[in-house]
C-alpha cells in the first residue's frame, strides 16, 4: 500500500453499527480484533471504539494483514465528500502500525 493509502483505511460498517458510529467524536482510537469464528469471513477483523464494535476491515485488507489483531490505531470520521462518494463513515490510520503482509 502506498503511504497516503495507509492514512485512509475504510471501515466497513452496515446499518447494525450506524448509531454507534454517529456517536463517535471526530477523532478517536480504534482497536482491531480478529474474529476467526465469524461465519461469513474467517479472516474478519472487527473495529472497536470505546469498547463497542463499529464495523470491520474490508475483507481484502483483513485477509492480507492478519497481524493487525490486537493493534490500536488512530481513527476519524470520514469527510462529507468521502461519505457522499463511497458511503464510508470511518477511516483508520495504519501509518504507524507494523504491517507484515501475508503472501
C-alpha atoms as a PDB file:
ATOM      1  CA  UNK A   1       0.000   0.000   0.000  1.00  0.00           C
ATOM      2  CA  UNK A   2       1.212   3.470  -0.787  1.00  0.00           C
ATOM      3  CA  UNK A   3       1.871   5.720   2.200  1.00  0.00           C
ATOM      4  CA  UNK A   4      -1.095   8.011   1.509  1.00  0.00           C
ATOM      5  CA  UNK A   5      -3.377   4.986   1.374  1.00  0.00           C
ATOM      6  CA  UNK A   6      -2.255   3.932   4.873  1.00  0.00           C
ATOM      7  CA  UNK A   7      -3.843   7.116   6.277  1.00  0.00           C
ATOM      8  CA  UNK A   8      -7.246   6.281   4.765  1.00  0.00           C
ATOM      9  CA  UNK A   9      -8.212   2.682   5.525  1.00  0.00           C
ATOM     10  CA  UNK A  10     -12.019   2.462   5.314  1.00  0.00           C
ATOM     11  CA  UNK A  11     -14.142   0.707   7.915  1.00  0.00           C
ATOM     12  CA  UNK A  12     -16.986  -1.387   6.544  1.00  0.00           C
ATOM     13  CA  UNK A  13     -19.979  -0.666   8.757  1.00  0.00           C
ATOM     14  CA  UNK A  14     -23.515  -1.671   7.994  1.00  0.00           C
ATOM     15  CA  UNK A  15     -26.769  -0.416   9.435  1.00  0.00           C
ATOM     16  CA  UNK A  16     -26.224  -2.502  12.567  1.00  0.00           C
ATOM     17  CA  UNK A  17     -23.457  -0.100  13.649  1.00  0.00           C
ATOM     18  CA  UNK A  18     -24.700   3.255  12.352  1.00  0.00           C
ATOM     19  CA  UNK A  19     -25.968   4.558  15.705  1.00  0.00           C
ATOM     20  CA  UNK A  20     -22.634   3.772  17.392  1.00  0.00           C
ATOM     21  CA  UNK A  21     -20.731   5.365  14.510  1.00  0.00           C
ATOM     22  CA  UNK A  22     -22.802   8.556  14.716  1.00  0.00           C
ATOM     23  CA  UNK A  23     -21.968   8.919  18.418  1.00  0.00           C
ATOM     24  CA  UNK A  24     -18.199   8.830  17.857  1.00  0.00           C
ATOM     25  CA  UNK A  25     -16.133  12.023  18.119  1.00  0.00           C
ATOM     26  CA  UNK A  26     -14.368  13.340  15.017  1.00  0.00           C
ATOM     27  CA  UNK A  27     -11.125  11.591  16.051  1.00  0.00           C
ATOM     28  CA  UNK A  28     -10.677   8.566  18.310  1.00  0.00           C
ATOM     29  CA  UNK A  29      -8.606   5.411  18.819  1.00  0.00           C
ATOM     30  CA  UNK A  30      -9.712   2.147  17.265  1.00  0.00           C
ATOM     31  CA  UNK A  31      -8.741  -1.348  18.376  1.00  0.00           C
ATOM     32  CA  UNK A  32      -8.612  -4.219  15.884  1.00  0.00           C
ATOM     33  CA  UNK A  33      -9.701  -7.710  16.951  1.00  0.00           C
ATOM     34  CA  UNK A  34      -9.677 -10.862  14.827  1.00  0.00           C
ATOM     35  CA  UNK A  35     -12.895 -12.867  14.644  1.00  0.00           C
ATOM     36  CA  UNK A  36     -11.812 -16.291  13.353  1.00  0.00           C
ATOM     37  CA  UNK A  37     -15.216 -17.695  14.342  1.00  0.00           C
ATOM     38  CA  UNK A  38     -17.033 -15.228  12.056  1.00  0.00           C
ATOM     39  CA  UNK A  39     -19.309 -17.377   9.896  1.00  0.00           C
ATOM     40  CA  UNK A  40     -19.128 -15.027   6.911  1.00  0.00           C
ATOM     41  CA  UNK A  41     -15.378 -14.407   6.859  1.00  0.00           C
ATOM     42  CA  UNK A  42     -12.846 -16.492   8.823  1.00  0.00           C
ATOM     43  CA  UNK A  43     -10.292 -13.673   8.291  1.00  0.00           C
ATOM     44  CA  UNK A  44     -12.614 -10.991   9.736  1.00  0.00           C
ATOM     45  CA  UNK A  45     -11.075  -8.225  11.815  1.00  0.00           C
ATOM     46  CA  UNK A  46     -13.572  -6.170  13.816  1.00  0.00           C
ATOM     47  CA  UNK A  47     -13.024  -2.492  14.599  1.00  0.00           C
ATOM     48  CA  UNK A  48     -13.820  -1.355  18.148  1.00  0.00           C
ATOM     49  CA  UNK A  49     -14.097   2.196  19.504  1.00  0.00           C
ATOM     50  CA  UNK A  50     -14.886   2.937  23.119  1.00  0.00           C
ATOM     51  CA  UNK A  51     -15.301  -0.783  23.758  1.00  0.00           C
ATOM     52  CA  UNK A  52     -18.053  -1.157  21.144  1.00  0.00           C
ATOM     53  CA  UNK A  53     -17.863  -2.733  17.699  1.00  0.00           C
ATOM     54  CA  UNK A  54     -18.305  -0.121  14.974  1.00  0.00           C
ATOM     55  CA  UNK A  55     -17.560  -2.220  11.884  1.00  0.00           C
ATOM     56  CA  UNK A  56     -14.956  -4.361  10.142  1.00  0.00           C
ATOM     57  CA  UNK A  57     -11.887  -4.015   7.986  1.00  0.00           C
ATOM     58  CA  UNK A  58     -12.661  -4.724   4.353  1.00  0.00           C
ATOM     59  CA  UNK A  59     -12.149  -8.480   3.685  1.00  0.00           C
ATOM     60  CA  UNK A  60      -9.245  -7.915   1.278  1.00  0.00           C
ATOM     61  CA  UNK A  61      -7.359  -5.911   3.935  1.00  0.00           C
ATOM     62  CA  UNK A  62      -8.130  -8.314   6.798  1.00  0.00           C
ATOM     63  CA  UNK A  63      -7.027 -11.316   4.739  1.00  0.00           C
ATOM     64  CA  UNK A  64      -3.752  -9.656   3.788  1.00  0.00           C
ATOM     65  CA  UNK A  65      -2.841  -8.352   7.264  1.00  0.00           C
ATOM     66  CA  UNK A  66      -3.848 -10.869   9.972  1.00  0.00           C
ATOM     67  CA  UNK A  67      -1.140  -9.476  12.308  1.00  0.00           C
ATOM     68  CA  UNK A  68      -3.349  -6.422  12.884  1.00  0.00           C
ATOM     69  CA  UNK A  69      -5.165  -8.368  15.615  1.00  0.00           C
ATOM     70  CA  UNK A  70      -4.855  -6.542  18.931  1.00  0.00           C
ATOM     71  CA  UNK A  71      -3.331  -3.372  17.482  1.00  0.00           C
ATOM     72  CA  UNK A  72      -4.687   0.110  18.150  1.00  0.00           C
ATOM     73  CA  UNK A  73      -4.578   2.942  15.650  1.00  0.00           C
ATOM     74  CA  UNK A  74      -5.844   6.494  15.196  1.00  0.00           C
ATOM     75  CA  UNK A  75      -9.240   6.792  13.524  1.00  0.00           C
ATOM     76  CA  UNK A  76     -11.521   9.563  12.368  1.00  0.00           C
ATOM     77  CA  UNK A  77     -14.936  10.253  10.981  1.00  0.00           C
ATOM     78  CA  UNK A  78     -14.871  10.457   7.197  1.00  0.00           C
ATOM     79  CA  UNK A  79     -15.465  13.766   5.463  1.00  0.00           C
ATOM     80  CA  UNK A  80     -18.814  14.569   3.908  1.00  0.00           C
ATOM     81  CA  UNK A  81     -17.304  14.086   0.440  1.00  0.00           C
ATOM     82  CA  UNK A  82     -15.962  10.629   1.444  1.00  0.00           C
ATOM     83  CA  UNK A  83     -19.398   9.650   2.621  1.00  0.00           C
ATOM     84  CA  UNK A  84     -21.171  11.079  -0.428  1.00  0.00           C
ATOM     85  CA  UNK A  85     -18.880   9.331  -2.929  1.00  0.00           C
ATOM     86  CA  UNK A  86     -18.356   5.984  -1.189  1.00  0.00           C
ATOM     87  CA  UNK A  87     -20.707   5.688   1.789  1.00  0.00           C
ATOM     88  CA  UNK A  88     -17.689   5.351   4.100  1.00  0.00           C
ATOM     89  CA  UNK A  89     -18.271   6.747   7.602  1.00  0.00           C
ATOM     90  CA  UNK A  90     -14.939   5.943   9.319  1.00  0.00           C
ATOM     91  CA  UNK A  91     -11.281   5.899   8.287  1.00  0.00           C
ATOM     92  CA  UNK A  92      -8.326   4.320  10.078  1.00  0.00           C
ATOM     93  CA  UNK A  93      -4.691   5.457  10.002  1.00  0.00           C
ATOM     94  CA  UNK A  94      -2.359   2.452   9.643  1.00  0.00           C
ATOM     95  CA  UNK A  95       0.776   4.535   9.009  1.00  0.00           C
ATOM     96  CA  UNK A  96       2.179   3.803  12.494  1.00  0.00           C
ATOM     97  CA  UNK A  97       1.356   0.069  12.550  1.00  0.00           C
ATOM     98  CA  UNK A  98       3.547  -2.914  11.797  1.00  0.00           C
ATOM     99  CA  UNK A  99       2.074  -4.444   8.643  1.00  0.00           C
ATOM    100  CA  UNK A 100       3.749  -7.739   7.739  1.00  0.00           C
ATOM    101  CA  UNK A 101       1.767  -8.876   4.716  1.00  0.00           C
ATOM    102  CA  UNK A 102       0.792 -12.477   4.138  1.00  0.00           C
ATOM    103  CA  UNK A 103       1.818 -13.681   0.706  1.00  0.00           C
END
